[in-house]
Amino acid sequence: MSTQDRKESGRFAFKSDTHRAVRSIRATDNTWEVLGSVSAESGSYTG
């Protein structure tokens, strides 16, 4: 398990100075099923 650096305040330090987009969300199983169906219908499914 990797450890992440912390600032003096105790908060996690940024990995870099560049903006990073969040690439994950928390959703229910039903929501994931609906998202999968919508993406498959639109042809944007990559998994």
N, C-alpha and C. Protein backbone atom coordinates (compact mmCIF):
# COMPACT_ATOMS: atom_id res chain seq x y z
N MET A 1 0.84 -1.18 0.00
CA MET A 1 0.00 0.00 0.00
C MET A 1 0.89 1.24 0.00
N SER A 2 0.56 2.18 -0.87
CA SER A 2 1.38 3.38 -0.95
C SER A 2 0.91 4.40 0.07
N THR A 3 1.83 5.24 0.45
CA THR A 3 1.48 6.31 1.38
C THR A 3 1.51 7.62 0.63
N GLN A 4 0.64 8.51 1.01
CA GLN A 4 0.55 9.81 0.36
C GLN A 4 1.06 10.88 1.32
N ASP A 5 1.82 11.82 0.77
CA ASP A 5 2.35 12.90 1.60
C ASP A 5 1.22 13.75 2.15
N ARG A 6 1.48 14.35 3.30
CA ARG A 6 0.51 15.25 3.93
C ARG A 6 1.13 16.63 4.12
N LYS A 7 0.28 17.63 4.09
CA LYS A 7 0.71 19.00 4.36
C LYS A 7 0.92 19.15 5.86
N GLU A 8 1.45 20.28 6.27
CA GLU A 8 1.65 20.54 7.70
C GLU A 8 0.33 20.53 8.46
N SER A 9 -0.76 20.89 7.77
CA SER A 9 -2.08 20.92 8.41
C SER A 9 -2.66 19.52 8.62
N GLY A 10 -2.01 18.53 8.03
CA GLY A 10 -2.50 17.16 8.15
C GLY A 10 -3.31 16.70 6.95
N ARG A 11 -3.66 17.63 6.08
CA ARG A 11 -4.42 17.25 4.88
C ARG A 11 -3.48 16.64 3.85
N PHE A 12 -4.06 15.84 2.94
CA PHE A 12 -3.24 15.24 1.89
C PHE A 12 -2.68 16.31 0.97
N ALA A 13 -1.44 16.16 0.56
CA ALA A 13 -0.81 17.08 -0.37
C ALA A 13 -1.18 16.69 -1.79
N PHE A 14 -1.25 17.69 -2.67
CA PHE A 14 -1.53 17.42 -4.08
C PHE A 14 -0.36 16.67 -4.70
N LYS A 15 -0.66 15.79 -5.66
CA LYS A 15 0.39 15.03 -6.33
C LYS A 15 1.17 15.91 -7.30
N SER A 16 0.49 16.93 -7.86
CA SER A 16 1.16 17.84 -8.78
C SER A 16 0.42 19.18 -8.75
N ASP A 17 0.97 20.17 -9.43
CA ASP A 17 0.36 21.49 -9.47
C ASP A 17 -0.73 21.59 -10.54
N THR A 18 -0.83 20.60 -11.42
CA THR A 18 -1.82 20.64 -12.48
C THR A 18 -3.17 20.15 -11.96
N HIS A 19 -4.24 20.69 -12.54
CA HIS A 19 -5.60 20.31 -12.16
C HIS A 19 -5.85 18.86 -12.57
N ARG A 20 -6.47 18.09 -11.69
CA ARG A 20 -6.81 16.70 -12.00
C ARG A 20 -8.32 16.53 -11.86
N ALA A 21 -8.91 15.97 -12.88
CA ALA A 21 -10.36 15.72 -12.84
C ALA A 21 -10.64 14.46 -12.04
N VAL A 22 -11.74 14.48 -11.32
CA VAL A 22 -12.15 13.29 -10.59
C VAL A 22 -12.66 12.27 -11.59
N ARG A 23 -12.20 11.04 -11.49
CA ARG A 23 -12.57 10.03 -12.46
C ARG A 23 -13.43 8.91 -11.86
N SER A 24 -13.91 9.11 -10.67
CA SER A 24 -14.74 8.07 -10.07
C SER A 24 -15.92 8.71 -9.34
N ILE A 25 -16.99 7.95 -9.26
CA ILE A 25 -18.16 8.41 -8.52
C ILE A 25 -18.69 7.25 -7.69
N ARG A 26 -19.42 7.58 -6.64
CA ARG A 26 -20.08 6.56 -5.84
C ARG A 26 -21.53 6.50 -6.29
N ALA A 27 -21.99 5.33 -6.67
CA ALA A 27 -23.37 5.18 -7.14
C ALA A 27 -23.89 3.81 -6.75
N THR A 28 -25.21 3.69 -6.72
CA THR A 28 -25.82 2.40 -6.39
C THR A 28 -25.67 1.45 -7.57
N ASP A 29 -25.87 0.17 -7.32
CA ASP A 29 -25.80 -0.82 -8.39
C ASP A 29 -26.82 -0.51 -9.48
N ASN A 30 -28.01 -0.09 -9.09
CA ASN A 30 -29.04 0.24 -10.07
C ASN A 30 -28.59 1.40 -10.96
N THR A 31 -27.97 2.40 -10.38
CA THR A 31 -27.47 3.53 -11.15
C THR A 31 -26.43 3.09 -12.16
N TRP A 32 -25.51 2.20 -11.75
CA TRP A 32 -24.49 1.70 -12.67
C TRP A 32 -25.12 0.93 -13.82
N GLU A 33 -26.17 0.16 -13.53
CA GLU A 33 -26.86 -0.58 -14.60
C GLU A 33 -27.49 0.37 -15.60
N VAL A 34 -28.15 1.42 -15.10
CA VAL A 34 -28.77 2.41 -15.99
C VAL A 34 -27.70 3.12 -16.81
N LEU A 35 -26.61 3.53 -16.18
CA LEU A 35 -25.53 4.19 -16.92
C LEU A 35 -24.95 3.28 -17.99
N GLY A 36 -24.80 1.99 -17.67
CA GLY A 36 -24.29 1.03 -18.65
C GLY A 36 -25.23 0.89 -19.82
N SER A 37 -26.53 0.83 -19.56
CA SER A 37 -27.52 0.71 -20.63
C SER A 37 -27.51 1.93 -21.54
N VAL A 38 -27.48 3.10 -20.93
CA VAL A 38 -27.47 4.35 -21.70
C VAL A 38 -26.21 4.44 -22.56
N SER A 39 -25.06 4.10 -21.99
CA SER A 39 -23.82 4.21 -22.77
C SER A 39 -23.78 3.16 -23.88
N ALA A 40 -24.33 1.96 -23.63
CA ALA A 40 -24.37 0.93 -24.67
C ALA A 40 -25.27 1.36 -25.82
N GLU A 41 -26.41 1.96 -25.50
CA GLU A 41 -27.33 2.43 -26.53
C GLU A 41 -26.74 3.56 -27.36
N SER A 42 -25.93 4.39 -26.73
CA SER A 42 -25.35 5.52 -27.45
C SER A 42 -24.03 5.16 -28.15
N GLY A 43 -23.55 3.94 -27.89
CA GLY A 43 -22.31 3.50 -28.53
C GLY A 43 -21.06 4.01 -27.85
N SER A 44 -21.18 4.52 -26.64
CA SER A 44 -20.00 5.06 -25.95
C SER A 44 -19.45 4.10 -24.90
N TYR A 45 -19.96 2.90 -24.85
CA TYR A 45 -19.49 1.91 -23.88
C TYR A 45 -18.10 1.42 -24.28
N THR A 46 -17.15 1.45 -23.34
CA THR A 46 -15.78 1.05 -23.65
C THR A 46 -15.33 -0.17 -22.87
N GLY A 47 -16.15 -0.68 -21.98
CA GLY A 47 -15.75 -1.79 -21.12
C GLY A 47 -16.14 -3.06 -21.63
